[in-house]
Amino acid sequence: MIQNDNIQEEVIVTDNQTPQTVVTKTTKQVEPQAKGEAPQKVYEKKKTIFRFSQIIWYVFGFIEVLLGFRVILKALGANAYTGFTGLIYLLTDPLAAPFQGIFNISTRGSSIIEWSTIIAAVVYLCIVWGLVYLLDIIYPITPKDVETI
């Protein structure tokens, strides 16, 4: 409830010319200007936003692990025709493709350092961090907000 206090001062002069101050205080109750959402709706909204943020970080982590495996397998000169290595290359080719050709590939024997894959991992980190930060600016929320109620 919002309260609005009005204070009125009145100066009274008596016969002996000593002014006396009388202060009258009145309180007026007014309706709130804006009515918010129900606490349960606010909680559910914050919980959904927080969960969405967690999902974004989880998917990003999964992509980073795959790209990390790709870098390690290429650096160690793994056989591309084996099951696991072929699967990793198949899954990460679309993720690394936009960055192919930025830098030359460094080779030594059968070992390959794909700089484009490392650049892809850094770029994806910046994108995800920016998305989550934007979400936090639009809907600021902390884990404590989700734990309450």
N, C-alpha and C. Protein backbone atom coordinates (compact mmCIF):
# COMPACT_ATOMS: atom_id res chain seq x y z
N MET A 1 0.82 -1.16 0.00
CA MET A 1 0.00 0.00 0.00
C MET A 1 0.87 1.24 0.00
N ILE A 2 0.53 2.19 -0.80
CA ILE A 2 1.31 3.41 -0.89
C ILE A 2 0.63 4.47 -0.02
N GLN A 3 1.40 5.14 0.78
CA GLN A 3 0.86 6.19 1.63
C GLN A 3 1.44 7.52 1.19
N ASN A 4 0.60 8.51 1.21
CA ASN A 4 1.02 9.85 0.83
C ASN A 4 0.80 10.74 2.04
N ASP A 5 1.84 11.31 2.62
CA ASP A 5 1.74 12.13 3.82
C ASP A 5 1.69 13.60 3.43
N ASN A 6 0.70 14.31 3.99
CA ASN A 6 0.61 15.76 3.82
C ASN A 6 0.85 16.40 5.17
N ILE A 7 1.75 17.33 5.23
CA ILE A 7 2.06 18.02 6.48
C ILE A 7 1.68 19.49 6.29
N GLN A 8 0.87 19.99 7.22
CA GLN A 8 0.46 21.39 7.17
C GLN A 8 0.98 22.09 8.41
N GLU A 9 1.51 23.26 8.23
CA GLU A 9 2.01 24.05 9.36
C GLU A 9 1.14 25.28 9.51
N GLU A 10 0.86 25.58 10.73
CA GLU A 10 0.05 26.76 11.01
C GLU A 10 0.73 27.53 12.12
N VAL A 11 0.91 28.80 11.94
CA VAL A 11 1.56 29.64 12.95
C VAL A 11 0.47 30.44 13.65
N ILE A 12 0.44 30.32 14.97
CA ILE A 12 -0.56 31.02 15.78
C ILE A 12 0.17 32.05 16.64
N VAL A 13 -0.32 33.27 16.63
CA VAL A 13 0.27 34.33 17.44
C VAL A 13 -0.72 34.63 18.57
N THR A 14 -0.24 34.61 19.78
CA THR A 14 -1.08 34.89 20.94
C THR A 14 -0.88 36.32 21.40
N ASP A 15 -1.50 36.71 22.50
CA ASP A 15 -1.44 38.08 23.00
C ASP A 15 -0.03 38.53 23.35
N ASN A 16 0.80 37.63 23.84
CA ASN A 16 2.15 38.06 24.24
C ASN A 16 3.12 38.03 23.06
N GLN A 17 2.63 37.92 21.87
CA GLN A 17 3.39 37.99 20.64
C GLN A 17 4.46 36.90 20.48
N THR A 18 4.30 35.78 21.17
CA THR A 18 5.21 34.65 21.00
C THR A 18 4.54 33.69 20.02
N PRO A 19 5.13 33.54 18.86
CA PRO A 19 4.49 32.64 17.89
C PRO A 19 4.59 31.18 18.33
N GLN A 20 3.53 30.44 18.11
CA GLN A 20 3.51 29.01 18.38
C GLN A 20 3.19 28.30 17.06
N THR A 21 3.87 27.21 16.85
CA THR A 21 3.67 26.47 15.61
C THR A 21 2.86 25.21 15.92
N VAL A 22 1.81 25.01 15.16
CA VAL A 22 0.99 23.81 15.28
C VAL A 22 1.17 23.02 13.99
N VAL A 23 1.57 21.77 14.11
CA VAL A 23 1.81 20.93 12.94
C VAL A 23 0.71 19.89 12.88
N THR A 24 0.04 19.82 11.75
CA THR A 24 -1.01 18.85 11.54
C THR A 24 -0.53 17.88 10.45
N LYS A 25 -0.62 16.60 10.75
CA LYS A 25 -0.16 15.59 9.80
C LYS A 25 -1.35 14.73 9.41
N THR A 26 -1.59 14.62 8.11
CA THR A 26 -2.68 13.78 7.63
C THR A 26 -2.10 12.70 6.71
N THR A 27 -2.69 11.55 6.75
CA THR A 27 -2.24 10.43 5.93
C THR A 27 -3.39 10.05 5.00
N LYS A 28 -3.05 9.89 3.74
CA LYS A 28 -4.04 9.55 2.74
C LYS A 28 -3.59 8.27 2.05
N GLN A 29 -4.47 7.29 1.97
CA GLN A 29 -4.14 6.03 1.32
C GLN A 29 -4.65 6.07 -0.12
N VAL A 30 -3.77 5.64 -1.02
CA VAL A 30 -4.14 5.58 -2.43
C VAL A 30 -3.84 4.20 -2.97
N GLU A 31 -4.53 3.84 -4.03
CA GLU A 31 -4.31 2.55 -4.68
C GLU A 31 -2.96 2.54 -5.39
N PRO A 32 -2.31 1.40 -5.47
CA PRO A 32 -1.06 1.33 -6.23
C PRO A 32 -1.30 1.67 -7.70
N GLN A 33 -0.31 2.32 -8.31
CA GLN A 33 -0.45 2.74 -9.70
C GLN A 33 -0.44 1.56 -10.66
N ALA A 34 0.42 0.58 -10.39
CA ALA A 34 0.54 -0.57 -11.28
C ALA A 34 0.38 -1.84 -10.46
N LYS A 35 -0.36 -2.75 -11.01
CA LYS A 35 -0.55 -4.03 -10.34
C LYS A 35 0.36 -5.04 -11.02
N GLY A 36 1.17 -5.75 -10.24
CA GLY A 36 2.11 -6.71 -10.79
C GLY A 36 1.48 -8.07 -11.00
N GLU A 37 2.29 -8.96 -11.53
CA GLU A 37 1.84 -10.32 -11.74
C GLU A 37 1.80 -11.06 -10.42
N ALA A 38 1.08 -12.14 -10.41
CA ALA A 38 1.01 -12.97 -9.22
C ALA A 38 2.40 -13.55 -8.94
N PRO A 39 2.76 -13.71 -7.67
CA PRO A 39 4.11 -14.22 -7.34
C PRO A 39 4.42 -15.57 -7.99
N GLN A 40 3.43 -16.44 -8.11
CA GLN A 40 3.68 -17.75 -8.72
C GLN A 40 4.02 -17.62 -10.20
N LYS A 41 3.36 -16.68 -10.90
CA LYS A 41 3.66 -16.45 -12.32
C LYS A 41 5.07 -15.89 -12.48
N VAL A 42 5.44 -14.96 -11.62
CA VAL A 42 6.78 -14.38 -11.67
C VAL A 42 7.82 -15.47 -11.44
N TYR A 43 7.57 -16.33 -10.45
CA TYR A 43 8.49 -17.42 -10.15
C TYR A 43 8.64 -18.36 -11.35
N GLU A 44 7.52 -18.74 -11.96
CA GLU A 44 7.58 -19.65 -13.11
C GLU A 44 8.31 -19.02 -14.28
N LYS A 45 8.10 -17.72 -14.50
CA LYS A 45 8.78 -17.01 -15.59
C LYS A 45 10.29 -16.98 -15.34
N LYS A 46 10.69 -16.64 -14.12
CA LYS A 46 12.12 -16.60 -13.78
C LYS A 46 12.74 -17.99 -13.88
N LYS A 47 12.00 -18.99 -13.44
CA LYS A 47 12.50 -20.36 -13.50
C LYS A 47 12.71 -20.80 -14.95
N THR A 48 11.78 -20.44 -15.83
CA THR A 48 11.89 -20.79 -17.24
C THR A 48 13.09 -20.10 -17.89
N ILE A 49 13.26 -18.83 -17.60
CA ILE A 49 14.39 -18.07 -18.16
C ILE A 49 15.71 -18.64 -17.66
N PHE A 50 15.78 -18.96 -16.38
CA PHE A 50 17.00 -19.53 -15.82
C PHE A 50 17.30 -20.90 -16.44
N ARG A 51 16.27 -21.71 -16.61
CA ARG A 51 16.47 -23.04 -17.22
C ARG A 51 16.92 -22.89 -18.67
N PHE A 52 16.36 -21.93 -19.39
CA PHE A 52 16.77 -21.68 -20.77
C PHE A 52 18.24 -21.31 -20.84
N SER A 53 18.68 -20.47 -19.91
CA SER A 53 20.08 -20.09 -19.85
C SER A 53 20.97 -21.31 -19.59
N GLN A 54 20.54 -22.18 -18.70
CA GLN A 54 21.30 -23.40 -18.42
C GLN A 54 21.39 -24.30 -19.65
N ILE A 55 20.30 -24.40 -20.40
CA ILE A 55 20.28 -25.23 -21.60
C ILE A 55 21.25 -24.68 -22.64
N ILE A 56 21.27 -23.35 -22.79
CA ILE A 56 22.20 -22.73 -23.74
C ILE A 56 23.64 -23.10 -23.38
N TRP A 57 24.01 -23.00 -22.10
CA TRP A 57 25.37 -23.33 -21.67
C TRP A 57 25.67 -24.81 -21.85
N TYR A 58 24.66 -25.67 -21.63
CA TYR A 58 24.88 -27.11 -21.79
C TYR A 58 25.16 -27.45 -23.26
N VAL A 59 24.34 -26.91 -24.16
CA VAL A 59 24.55 -27.18 -25.60
C VAL A 59 25.90 -26.65 -26.04
N PHE A 60 26.25 -25.46 -25.56
CA PHE A 60 27.56 -24.89 -25.89
C PHE A 60 28.69 -25.80 -25.39
N GLY A 61 28.56 -26.28 -24.17
CA GLY A 61 29.59 -27.17 -23.61
C GLY A 61 29.74 -28.43 -24.46
N PHE A 62 28.63 -28.98 -24.90
CA PHE A 62 28.66 -30.18 -25.74
C PHE A 62 29.40 -29.89 -27.05
N ILE A 63 29.09 -28.76 -27.67
CA ILE A 63 29.76 -28.37 -28.92
C ILE A 63 31.25 -28.17 -28.69
N GLU A 64 31.61 -27.52 -27.60
CA GLU A 64 33.03 -27.29 -27.30
C GLU A 64 33.78 -28.60 -27.08
N VAL A 65 33.15 -29.57 -26.43
CA VAL A 65 33.79 -30.87 -26.22
C VAL A 65 34.03 -31.55 -27.57
N LEU A 66 33.02 -31.51 -28.44
CA LEU A 66 33.20 -32.11 -29.77
C LEU A 66 34.33 -31.44 -30.54
N LEU A 67 34.37 -30.10 -30.51
CA LEU A 67 35.44 -29.39 -31.21
C LEU A 67 36.80 -29.69 -30.56
N GLY A 68 36.83 -29.84 -29.25
CA GLY A 68 38.07 -30.20 -28.57
C GLY A 68 38.56 -31.58 -29.00
N PHE A 69 37.63 -32.54 -29.10
CA PHE A 69 38.00 -33.87 -29.59
C PHE A 69 38.56 -33.78 -31.01
N ARG A 70 37.94 -32.95 -31.83
CA ARG A 70 38.40 -32.81 -33.22
C ARG A 70 39.84 -32.29 -33.26
N VAL A 71 40.12 -31.26 -32.47
CA VAL A 71 41.47 -30.69 -32.45
C VAL A 71 42.48 -31.74 -31.97
N ILE A 72 42.15 -32.44 -30.91
CA ILE A 72 43.07 -33.44 -30.35
C ILE A 72 43.29 -34.59 -31.33
N LEU A 73 42.20 -35.10 -31.93
CA LEU A 73 42.34 -36.22 -32.87
C LEU A 73 43.17 -35.82 -34.09
N LYS A 74 42.94 -34.61 -34.60
CA LYS A 74 43.74 -34.15 -35.75
C LYS A 74 45.20 -33.96 -35.36
N ALA A 75 45.42 -33.41 -34.16
CA ALA A 75 46.79 -33.16 -33.71
C ALA A 75 47.55 -34.46 -33.49
N LEU A 76 46.85 -35.49 -33.07
CA LEU A 76 47.51 -36.78 -32.83
C LEU A 76 47.56 -37.65 -34.09
N GLY A 77 46.98 -37.17 -35.17
CA GLY A 77 47.04 -37.91 -36.44
C GLY A 77 46.15 -39.14 -36.43
N ALA A 78 44.96 -39.05 -35.83
CA ALA A 78 44.06 -40.20 -35.74
C ALA A 78 43.56 -40.60 -37.13
N ASN A 79 43.30 -41.89 -37.29
CA ASN A 79 42.79 -42.43 -38.55
C ASN A 79 41.34 -41.97 -38.73
N ALA A 80 41.06 -41.25 -39.79
CA ALA A 80 39.72 -40.70 -40.03
C ALA A 80 38.70 -41.76 -40.41
N TYR A 81 39.16 -42.96 -40.71
CA TYR A 81 38.25 -44.01 -41.17
C TYR A 81 37.80 -44.95 -40.05
N THR A 82 38.20 -44.67 -38.82
CA THR A 82 37.70 -45.47 -37.70
C THR A 82 36.37 -44.88 -37.23
N GLY A 83 35.60 -45.67 -36.51
CA GLY A 83 34.25 -45.28 -36.11
C GLY A 83 34.16 -43.99 -35.31
N PHE A 84 34.87 -43.93 -34.17
CA PHE A 84 34.77 -42.78 -33.29
C PHE A 84 35.31 -41.52 -33.97
N THR A 85 36.47 -41.63 -34.59
CA THR A 85 37.07 -40.47 -35.26
C THR A 85 36.19 -39.98 -36.40
N GLY A 86 35.66 -40.89 -37.17
CA GLY A 86 34.76 -40.52 -38.27
C GLY A 86 33.51 -39.83 -37.76
N LEU A 87 32.96 -40.32 -36.63
CA LEU A 87 31.77 -39.69 -36.05
C LEU A 87 32.07 -38.27 -35.58
N ILE A 88 33.20 -38.09 -34.92
CA ILE A 88 33.58 -36.75 -34.44
C ILE A 88 33.76 -35.81 -35.63
N TYR A 89 34.44 -36.26 -36.66
CA TYR A 89 34.65 -35.41 -37.83
C TYR A 89 33.32 -35.10 -38.53
N LEU A 90 32.42 -36.09 -38.60
CA LEU A 90 31.12 -35.89 -39.22
C LEU A 90 30.29 -34.85 -38.46
N LEU A 91 30.30 -34.93 -37.13
CA LEU A 91 29.52 -33.99 -36.32
C LEU A 91 30.11 -32.58 -36.29
N THR A 92 31.44 -32.49 -36.38
CA THR A 92 32.07 -31.18 -36.24
C THR A 92 32.37 -30.49 -37.57
N ASP A 93 32.29 -31.19 -38.68
CA ASP A 93 32.53 -30.55 -39.98
C ASP A 93 31.62 -29.35 -40.21
N PRO A 94 30.29 -29.45 -39.96
CA PRO A 94 29.44 -28.26 -40.16
C PRO A 94 29.76 -27.12 -39.20
N LEU A 95 30.28 -27.44 -38.02
CA LEU A 95 30.61 -26.40 -37.04
C LEU A 95 31.90 -25.68 -37.39
N ALA A 96 32.84 -26.41 -37.98
CA ALA A 96 34.14 -25.82 -38.31
C ALA A 96 34.17 -25.24 -39.73
N ALA A 97 33.24 -25.66 -40.58
CA ALA A 97 33.27 -25.25 -42.00
C ALA A 97 33.26 -23.74 -42.23
N PRO A 98 32.45 -22.95 -41.48
CA PRO A 98 32.46 -21.51 -41.76
C PRO A 98 33.81 -20.83 -41.50
N PHE A 99 34.69 -21.49 -40.80
CA PHE A 99 35.96 -20.89 -40.42
C PHE A 99 37.14 -21.47 -41.21
N GLN A 100 36.87 -22.41 -42.12
CA GLN A 100 37.92 -23.02 -42.95
C GLN A 100 38.56 -21.94 -43.83
N GLY A 101 39.85 -21.97 -43.92
CA GLY A 101 40.57 -21.06 -44.80
C GLY A 101 40.99 -19.74 -44.16
N ILE A 102 40.59 -19.50 -42.92
CA ILE A 102 41.02 -18.26 -42.25
C ILE A 102 42.53 -18.30 -42.06
N PHE A 103 43.02 -19.43 -41.56
CA PHE A 103 44.46 -19.64 -41.40
C PHE A 103 44.85 -20.92 -42.11
N ASN A 104 46.10 -21.03 -42.48
CA ASN A 104 46.59 -22.27 -43.08
C ASN A 104 46.64 -23.37 -42.02
N ILE A 105 46.52 -24.58 -42.50
CA ILE A 105 46.61 -25.74 -41.61
C ILE A 105 48.08 -26.06 -41.40
N SER A 106 48.47 -26.23 -40.14
CA SER A 106 49.85 -26.59 -39.81
C SER A 106 49.95 -28.11 -39.76
N THR A 107 50.92 -28.66 -40.50
CA THR A 107 51.09 -30.12 -40.52
C THR A 107 52.53 -30.49 -40.18
N ARG A 108 52.65 -31.63 -39.54
CA ARG A 108 53.96 -32.22 -39.27
C ARG A 108 53.72 -33.72 -39.24
N GLY A 109 54.15 -34.40 -40.27
CA GLY A 109 53.90 -35.83 -40.39
C GLY A 109 52.40 -36.05 -40.58
N SER A 110 51.82 -36.87 -39.73
CA SER A 110 50.37 -37.10 -39.82
C SER A 110 49.59 -36.20 -38.88
N SER A 111 50.28 -35.38 -38.11
CA SER A 111 49.62 -34.46 -37.18
C SER A 111 49.19 -33.19 -37.90
N ILE A 112 47.99 -32.74 -37.58
CA ILE A 112 47.43 -31.53 -38.20
C ILE A 112 46.92 -30.62 -37.09
N ILE A 113 47.28 -29.36 -37.18
CA ILE A 113 46.69 -28.35 -36.28
C ILE A 113 45.74 -27.52 -37.13
N GLU A 114 44.45 -27.69 -36.87
CA GLU A 114 43.42 -26.94 -37.59
C GLU A 114 43.10 -25.68 -36.80
N TRP A 115 43.69 -24.59 -37.22
CA TRP A 115 43.46 -23.33 -36.52
C TRP A 115 42.02 -22.87 -36.65
N SER A 116 41.39 -23.24 -37.75
CA SER A 116 40.00 -22.84 -37.96
C SER A 116 39.07 -23.44 -36.91
N THR A 117 39.37 -24.64 -36.45
CA THR A 117 38.54 -25.26 -35.41
C THR A 117 38.72 -24.54 -34.08
N ILE A 118 39.93 -24.12 -33.80
CA ILE A 118 40.19 -23.37 -32.56
C ILE A 118 39.50 -22.01 -32.63
N ILE A 119 39.56 -21.37 -33.79
CA ILE A 119 38.86 -20.09 -33.98
C ILE A 119 37.36 -20.30 -33.82
N ALA A 120 36.83 -21.39 -34.37
CA ALA A 120 35.39 -21.68 -34.25
C ALA A 120 34.99 -21.80 -32.78
N ALA A 121 35.79 -22.49 -31.99
CA ALA A 121 35.48 -22.65 -30.57
C ALA A 121 35.44 -21.30 -29.85
N VAL A 122 36.37 -20.42 -30.17
CA VAL A 122 36.41 -19.09 -29.55
C VAL A 122 35.22 -18.25 -29.99
N VAL A 123 34.89 -18.31 -31.28
CA VAL A 123 33.76 -17.53 -31.79
C VAL A 123 32.45 -18.02 -31.17
N TYR A 124 32.28 -19.35 -31.07
CA TYR A 124 31.06 -19.88 -30.45
C TYR A 124 30.98 -19.49 -28.97
N LEU A 125 32.10 -19.44 -28.30
CA LEU A 125 32.11 -18.98 -26.91
C LEU A 125 31.62 -17.54 -26.82
N CYS A 126 32.11 -16.69 -27.69
CA CYS A 126 31.69 -15.28 -27.69
C CYS A 126 30.20 -15.14 -28.00
N ILE A 127 29.70 -15.91 -28.93
CA ILE A 127 28.28 -15.85 -29.29
C ILE A 127 27.41 -16.28 -28.12
N VAL A 128 27.75 -17.40 -27.51
CA VAL A 128 26.94 -17.90 -26.40
C VAL A 128 27.02 -16.96 -25.21
N TRP A 129 28.20 -16.48 -24.92
CA TRP A 129 28.33 -15.55 -23.80
C TRP A 129 27.49 -14.30 -24.07
N GLY A 130 27.51 -13.79 -25.29
CA GLY A 130 26.71 -12.63 -25.65
C GLY A 130 25.22 -12.88 -25.53
N LEU A 131 24.75 -14.05 -25.97
CA LEU A 131 23.33 -14.39 -25.85
C LEU A 131 22.89 -14.46 -24.39
N VAL A 132 23.67 -15.14 -23.58
CA VAL A 132 23.31 -15.28 -22.17
C VAL A 132 23.39 -13.93 -21.46
N TYR A 133 24.36 -13.12 -21.82
CA TYR A 133 24.47 -11.78 -21.22
C TYR A 133 23.29 -10.90 -21.63
N LEU A 134 22.88 -10.98 -22.89
CA LEU A 134 21.72 -10.23 -23.36
C LEU A 134 20.46 -10.69 -22.63
N LEU A 135 20.31 -11.98 -22.47
CA LEU A 135 19.18 -12.53 -21.72
C LEU A 135 19.19 -12.02 -20.28
N ASP A 136 20.37 -11.93 -19.71
CA ASP A 136 20.49 -11.43 -18.33
C ASP A 136 20.19 -9.94 -18.24
N ILE A 137 20.49 -9.19 -19.28
CA ILE A 137 20.16 -7.76 -19.28
C ILE A 137 18.65 -7.57 -19.39
N ILE A 138 18.03 -8.33 -20.28
CA ILE A 138 16.59 -8.19 -20.49
C ILE A 138 15.80 -8.72 -19.29
N TYR A 139 16.17 -9.89 -18.80
CA TYR A 139 15.50 -10.51 -17.66
C TYR A 139 16.53 -10.86 -16.60
N PRO A 140 16.92 -9.90 -15.77
CA PRO A 140 17.93 -10.20 -14.75
C PRO A 140 17.39 -11.23 -13.75
N ILE A 141 18.17 -12.25 -13.51
CA ILE A 141 17.75 -13.32 -12.61
C ILE A 141 18.98 -13.98 -12.02
N THR A 142 18.85 -14.40 -10.79
CA THR A 142 19.93 -15.11 -10.12
C THR A 142 19.41 -16.49 -9.71
N PRO A 143 20.31 -17.43 -9.44
CA PRO A 143 19.85 -18.74 -8.96
C PRO A 143 19.03 -18.62 -7.68
N LYS A 144 19.33 -17.62 -6.85
CA LYS A 144 18.58 -17.44 -5.59
C LYS A 144 17.12 -17.07 -5.88
N ASP A 145 16.89 -16.31 -6.95
CA ASP A 145 15.52 -15.96 -7.33
C ASP A 145 14.70 -17.21 -7.63
N VAL A 146 15.32 -18.19 -8.25
CA VAL A 146 14.61 -19.42 -8.62
C VAL A 146 14.38 -20.31 -7.41
N GLU A 147 15.26 -20.26 -6.43
CA GLU A 147 15.14 -21.10 -5.25
C GLU A 147 14.07 -20.61 -4.29
N THR A 148 13.71 -19.33 -4.33
CA THR A 148 12.73 -18.80 -3.40
C THR A 148 11.32 -19.14 -3.84
N ILE A 149 10.39 -18.93 -2.98
CA ILE A 149 8.95 -19.17 -3.13
C ILE A 149 8.59 -20.62 -3.02
